[in-house]
Amino acid sequence: MAHRVLTAHVPQALAREVDALAEQFDRPRGWIMNEALTLYVELERERHQLTLEALAEVDAGSTVAHEEIETWAASLKKSRRSRKR
């Protein structure tokens, strides 16, 4: 697998945390950065996919009216009050 060097300016506090993790895991700083970027990219890819799916549901009319949500939320409050007694 080919590699590229990426450069980023980060706050010193974050850099110190990366250094501390590298020392704690006995890994190079680049390994920590690679792991962090990999997880971030995966998370953002998943978040984007979920957003697209949600928008498709909205387009298909698969939504719940705001009033229905308010009624449901109010029922939860009533249910909690009756359990406390």
Protein backbone atom coordinates (compact mmCIF):
# COMPACT_ATOMS: atom_id res chain seq x y z
CA MET A 1 0.00 0.00 0.00
CA ALA A 2 1.41 3.38 -0.98
CA HIS A 3 1.63 6.06 1.67
CA ARG A 4 1.49 9.85 1.64
CA VAL A 5 2.57 12.33 4.25
CA LEU A 6 -0.16 14.68 5.44
CA THR A 7 0.58 17.75 7.48
CA ALA A 8 -1.84 19.38 9.88
CA HIS A 9 -1.49 22.21 12.34
CA VAL A 10 -3.13 21.18 15.61
CA PRO A 11 -3.38 22.89 18.99
CA GLN A 12 -0.46 22.13 21.26
CA ALA A 13 -2.73 20.50 23.83
CA LEU A 14 -3.96 18.01 21.24
CA ALA A 15 -0.41 17.31 20.09
CA ARG A 16 0.58 16.59 23.70
CA GLU A 17 -2.33 14.16 24.01
CA VAL A 18 -1.27 12.37 20.82
CA ASP A 19 2.27 12.15 22.15
CA ALA A 20 0.97 10.76 25.46
CA LEU A 21 -1.08 8.11 23.66
CA ALA A 22 1.88 7.16 21.51
CA GLU A 23 3.97 6.68 24.62
CA GLN A 24 1.21 4.84 26.46
CA PHE A 25 0.68 2.39 23.59
CA ASP A 26 4.37 2.24 22.72
CA ARG A 27 3.53 3.20 19.13
CA PRO A 28 4.83 5.91 16.84
CA ARG A 29 2.92 9.18 16.67
CA GLY A 30 2.10 8.41 13.01
CA TRP A 31 0.35 5.20 14.05
CA ILE A 32 -1.87 7.13 16.46
CA MET A 33 -2.67 9.70 13.77
CA ASN A 34 -3.43 6.99 11.21
CA GLU A 35 -5.79 5.24 13.62
CA ALA A 36 -7.54 8.51 14.48
CA LEU A 37 -7.98 9.55 10.85
CA THR A 38 -9.19 6.10 9.85
CA LEU A 39 -11.85 6.09 12.56
CA TYR A 40 -12.89 9.66 11.73
CA VAL A 41 -13.27 8.92 8.02
CA GLU A 42 -15.28 5.77 8.74
CA LEU A 43 -17.54 7.67 11.15
CA GLU A 44 -18.15 10.49 8.69
CA ARG A 45 -18.82 8.04 5.85
CA GLU A 46 -21.39 6.25 8.02
CA ARG A 47 -22.94 9.54 9.16
CA HIS A 48 -23.27 10.65 5.53
CA GLN A 49 -24.90 7.35 4.55
CA LEU A 50 -27.38 7.60 7.43
CA THR A 51 -28.20 11.16 6.40
CA LEU A 52 -28.89 10.04 2.83
CA GLU A 53 -31.12 7.24 4.12
CA ALA A 54 -33.02 9.63 6.38
CA LEU A 55 -33.54 12.10 3.54
CA ALA A 56 -34.84 9.28 1.34
CA GLU A 57 -37.34 8.39 4.08
CA VAL A 58 -38.47 12.01 4.24
CA ASP A 59 -38.84 12.08 0.45
CA ALA A 60 -40.91 8.88 0.66
CA GLY A 61 -43.18 10.47 3.27
CA SER A 62 -42.06 8.20 6.09
CA THR A 63 -42.22 10.83 8.78
CA VAL A 64 -44.09 11.38 12.02
CA ALA A 65 -46.02 14.59 12.61
CA HIS A 66 -44.62 16.93 15.25
CA GLU A 67 -47.91 16.82 17.14
CA GLU A 68 -47.65 13.04 17.42
CA ILE A 69 -44.17 13.35 18.92
CA GLU A 70 -45.39 15.95 21.43
CA THR A 71 -48.26 13.67 22.48
CA TRP A 72 -45.88 10.73 22.85
CA ALA A 73 -43.41 12.81 24.90
CA ALA A 74 -46.20 14.04 27.16
CA SER A 75 -47.31 10.44 27.74
CA LEU A 76 -43.80 9.59 28.91
CA LYS A 77 -43.90 12.38 31.46
CA LYS A 78 -47.26 11.15 32.78
CA SER A 79 -45.96 7.59 32.95
CA ARG A 80 -42.90 8.66 34.96
CA ARG A 81 -45.03 10.63 37.43
CA SER A 82 -47.37 7.70 38.04
CA ARG A 83 -44.39 5.37 38.73
CA LYS A 84 -42.98 7.71 41.39
CA ARG A 85 -46.10 7.47 43.51
